Amino acid sequence: MTDNRVTRAGRHSYNTRSSRIRAIRTPGGKLVAQTITKTTKGPKCSDCKCSLPGIKHLKKTAYTNLKKRERTVSRAYGGSACGGCVRQRIVRAFLLEEQKAVKKLLAERASKK
């Protein structure tokens, strides 16, 4: 009969939120404790505060070990704003420019008359 008991690493033996463990069997057949890291809420959109898709939910220090393509999305405002908000910004800027052009055109027509 194999022994299914696991000894916790560290000073205290309490199963708190920060010290959760998972029992893992090694290739040698030994049962060891593997600490489970807490999951974070992940990066949020700067405008609508929704979770950014395509970016891993890691702790801030863990992002330094990732590749750049895993940290951002290849788009304008890639790691800070979601696609919907970026589209909204682009459309708003375009419509403002169009409005300025129309206003200028109407002013020219009014000056001709």
C-alpha atoms as a PDB file:
ATOM      1  CA  MET A   1       0.000   0.000   0.000  1.00  0.00           C
ATOM      2  CA  THR A   2       1.432   3.393  -1.011  1.00  0.00           C
ATOM      3  CA  ASP A   3       1.556   6.347   1.336  1.00  0.00           C
ATOM      4  CA  ASN A   4      -0.773   9.180   0.183  1.00  0.00           C
ATOM      5  CA  ARG A   5       0.299  11.763   2.764  1.00  0.00           C
ATOM      6  CA  VAL A   6       1.992  14.997   1.706  1.00  0.00           C
ATOM      7  CA  THR A   7       4.137  17.252   3.868  1.00  0.00           C
ATOM      8  CA  ARG A   8       3.695  20.982   3.326  1.00  0.00           C
ATOM      9  CA  ALA A   9       6.787  23.041   2.598  1.00  0.00           C
ATOM     10  CA  GLY A  10       7.310  26.135   4.736  1.00  0.00           C
ATOM     11  CA  ARG A  11       6.714  27.161   8.312  1.00  0.00           C
ATOM     12  CA  HIS A  12       2.994  26.690   8.931  1.00  0.00           C
ATOM     13  CA  SER A  13       0.612  23.938   7.946  1.00  0.00           C
ATOM     14  CA  TYR A  14      -2.584  25.917   7.374  1.00  0.00           C
ATOM     15  CA  ASN A  15      -4.499  25.683   4.094  1.00  0.00           C
ATOM     16  CA  THR A  16      -4.947  29.433   3.610  1.00  0.00           C
ATOM     17  CA  ARG A  17      -5.703  31.263   0.319  1.00  0.00           C
ATOM     18  CA  SER A  18      -2.013  32.059  -0.181  1.00  0.00           C
ATOM     19  CA  SER A  19      -0.630  28.603   0.660  1.00  0.00           C
ATOM     20  CA  ARG A  20      -2.727  26.106  -1.318  1.00  0.00           C
ATOM     21  CA  ILE A  21      -1.011  22.909  -2.490  1.00  0.00           C
ATOM     22  CA  ARG A  22      -1.629  20.176  -5.009  1.00  0.00           C
ATOM     23  CA  ALA A  23      -0.280  16.651  -4.478  1.00  0.00           C
ATOM     24  CA  ILE A  24       1.851  15.687  -7.501  1.00  0.00           C
ATOM     25  CA  ARG A  25       3.403  12.286  -8.121  1.00  0.00           C
ATOM     26  CA  THR A  26       6.974  12.530  -9.427  1.00  0.00           C
ATOM     27  CA  PRO A  27       8.407  10.165 -12.067  1.00  0.00           C
ATOM     28  CA  GLY A  28      10.204   8.422  -9.203  1.00  0.00           C
ATOM     29  CA  GLY A  29       6.853   7.583  -7.610  1.00  0.00           C
ATOM     30  CA  LYS A  30       7.169  10.027  -4.717  1.00  0.00           C
ATOM     31  CA  LEU A  31       4.192  12.213  -3.724  1.00  0.00           C
ATOM     32  CA  VAL A  32       5.252  15.846  -3.267  1.00  0.00           C
ATOM     33  CA  ALA A  33       3.436  19.125  -2.545  1.00  0.00           C
ATOM     34  CA  GLN A  34       3.303  21.673  -5.384  1.00  0.00           C
ATOM     35  CA  THR A  35       2.221  25.194  -4.445  1.00  0.00           C
ATOM     36  CA  ILE A  36      -0.657  26.678  -6.442  1.00  0.00           C
ATOM     37  CA  THR A  37      -0.238  30.345  -7.370  1.00  0.00           C
ATOM     38  CA  LYS A  38      -3.257  32.611  -7.037  1.00  0.00           C
ATOM     39  CA  THR A  39      -4.925  33.760 -10.247  1.00  0.00           C
ATOM     40  CA  THR A  40      -5.317  37.481 -10.835  1.00  0.00           C
ATOM     41  CA  LYS A  41      -8.152  39.442 -12.421  1.00  0.00           C
ATOM     42  CA  GLY A  42      -5.877  40.349 -15.331  1.00  0.00           C
ATOM     43  CA  PRO A  43      -5.499  43.588 -17.291  1.00  0.00           C
ATOM     44  CA  LYS A  44      -8.578  45.761 -17.823  1.00  0.00           C
ATOM     45  CA  CYS A  45      -9.569  48.161 -20.618  1.00  0.00           C
ATOM     46  CA  SER A  46      -8.713  51.789 -19.754  1.00  0.00           C
ATOM     47  CA  ASP A  47     -12.069  53.063 -21.066  1.00  0.00           C
ATOM     48  CA  CYS A  48     -14.823  50.511 -20.315  1.00  0.00           C
ATOM     49  CA  LYS A  49     -12.992  48.537 -17.576  1.00  0.00           C
ATOM     50  CA  CYS A  50     -13.756  45.146 -19.204  1.00  0.00           C
ATOM     51  CA  SER A  51     -11.181  42.340 -19.151  1.00  0.00           C
ATOM     52  CA  LEU A  52      -8.765  42.435 -22.115  1.00  0.00           C
ATOM     53  CA  PRO A  53      -8.994  39.302 -24.284  1.00  0.00           C
ATOM     54  CA  GLY A  54      -5.787  37.678 -25.532  1.00  0.00           C
ATOM     55  CA  ILE A  55      -3.643  38.652 -22.534  1.00  0.00           C
ATOM     56  CA  LYS A  56      -2.815  36.185 -19.770  1.00  0.00           C
ATOM     57  CA  HIS A  57      -4.039  36.808 -16.225  1.00  0.00           C
ATOM     58  CA  LEU A  58      -0.756  36.843 -14.332  1.00  0.00           C
ATOM     59  CA  LYS A  59       0.902  38.779 -11.532  1.00  0.00           C
ATOM     60  CA  LYS A  60       2.733  41.940 -12.579  1.00  0.00           C
ATOM     61  CA  THR A  61       6.171  40.417 -11.999  1.00  0.00           C
ATOM     62  CA  ALA A  62       5.348  37.359 -14.130  1.00  0.00           C
ATOM     63  CA  TYR A  63       4.776  39.494 -17.259  1.00  0.00           C
ATOM     64  CA  THR A  64       8.510  40.239 -17.429  1.00  0.00           C
ATOM     65  CA  ASN A  65       9.237  36.577 -18.213  1.00  0.00           C
ATOM     66  CA  LEU A  66       6.717  36.404 -21.069  1.00  0.00           C
ATOM     67  CA  LYS A  67       7.309  37.073 -24.749  1.00  0.00           C
ATOM     68  CA  LYS A  68       6.052  40.417 -26.085  1.00  0.00           C
ATOM     69  CA  ARG A  69       3.345  38.725 -28.156  1.00  0.00           C
ATOM     70  CA  GLU A  70       1.939  37.151 -24.972  1.00  0.00           C
ATOM     71  CA  ARG A  71       1.886  40.483 -23.118  1.00  0.00           C
ATOM     72  CA  THR A  72       0.104  42.608 -25.733  1.00  0.00           C
ATOM     73  CA  VAL A  73      -2.222  42.428 -28.722  1.00  0.00           C
ATOM     74  CA  SER A  74      -0.876  43.603 -32.095  1.00  0.00           C
ATOM     75  CA  ARG A  75      -3.197  46.575 -32.486  1.00  0.00           C
ATOM     76  CA  ALA A  76      -3.184  50.264 -31.576  1.00  0.00           C
ATOM     77  CA  TYR A  77      -3.602  50.538 -27.779  1.00  0.00           C
ATOM     78  CA  GLY A  78      -2.903  46.781 -27.709  1.00  0.00           C
ATOM     79  CA  GLY A  79      -2.352  46.116 -24.017  1.00  0.00           C
ATOM     80  CA  SER A  80      -4.452  48.955 -22.591  1.00  0.00           C
ATOM     81  CA  ALA A  81      -7.759  49.280 -24.498  1.00  0.00           C
ATOM     82  CA  CYS A  82     -10.160  46.698 -25.936  1.00  0.00           C
ATOM     83  CA  GLY A  83     -10.972  46.509 -29.653  1.00  0.00           C
ATOM     84  CA  GLY A  84     -14.434  48.030 -29.285  1.00  0.00           C
ATOM     85  CA  CYS A  85     -13.120  51.119 -27.507  1.00  0.00           C
ATOM     86  CA  VAL A  86     -10.314  51.556 -30.064  1.00  0.00           C
ATOM     87  CA  ARG A  87     -12.863  51.343 -32.897  1.00  0.00           C
ATOM     88  CA  GLN A  88     -15.006  53.931 -31.092  1.00  0.00           C
ATOM     89  CA  ARG A  89     -12.021  56.299 -30.760  1.00  0.00           C
ATOM     90  CA  ILE A  90     -11.145  55.953 -34.453  1.00  0.00           C
ATOM     91  CA  VAL A  91     -14.750  56.532 -35.590  1.00  0.00           C
ATOM     92  CA  ARG A  92     -15.102  59.539 -33.264  1.00  0.00           C
ATOM     93  CA  ALA A  93     -11.878  61.111 -34.592  1.00  0.00           C
ATOM     94  CA  PHE A  94     -12.951  60.478 -38.208  1.00  0.00           C
ATOM     95  CA  LEU A  95     -16.402  62.010 -37.665  1.00  0.00           C
ATOM     96  CA  LEU A  96     -14.901  65.089 -35.989  1.00  0.00           C
ATOM     97  CA  GLU A  97     -12.596  65.611 -38.988  1.00  0.00           C
ATOM     98  CA  GLU A  98     -15.529  65.162 -41.375  1.00  0.00           C
ATOM     99  CA  GLN A  99     -17.565  67.681 -39.370  1.00  0.00           C
ATOM    100  CA  LYS A 100     -14.717  70.221 -39.569  1.00  0.00           C
ATOM    101  CA  ALA A 101     -14.455  69.709 -43.341  1.00  0.00           C
ATOM    102  CA  VAL A 102     -18.229  70.172 -43.820  1.00  0.00           C
ATOM    103  CA  LYS A 103     -18.220  73.306 -41.640  1.00  0.00           C
ATOM    104  CA  LYS A 104     -15.319  74.739 -43.679  1.00  0.00           C
ATOM    105  CA  LEU A 105     -17.119  73.939 -46.960  1.00  0.00           C
ATOM    106  CA  LEU A 106     -20.332  75.621 -45.771  1.00  0.00           C
ATOM    107  CA  ALA A 107     -18.348  78.684 -44.646  1.00  0.00           C
ATOM    108  CA  GLU A 108     -16.748  78.934 -48.126  1.00  0.00           C
ATOM    109  CA  ARG A 109     -20.153  78.685 -49.831  1.00  0.00           C
ATOM    110  CA  ALA A 110     -21.599  81.340 -47.541  1.00  0.00           C
ATOM    111  CA  SER A 111     -18.672  83.718 -48.261  1.00  0.00           C
ATOM    112  CA  LYS A 112     -19.161  83.298 -52.060  1.00  0.00           C
ATOM    113  CA  LYS A 113     -22.810  84.417 -51.842  1.00  0.00           C
END
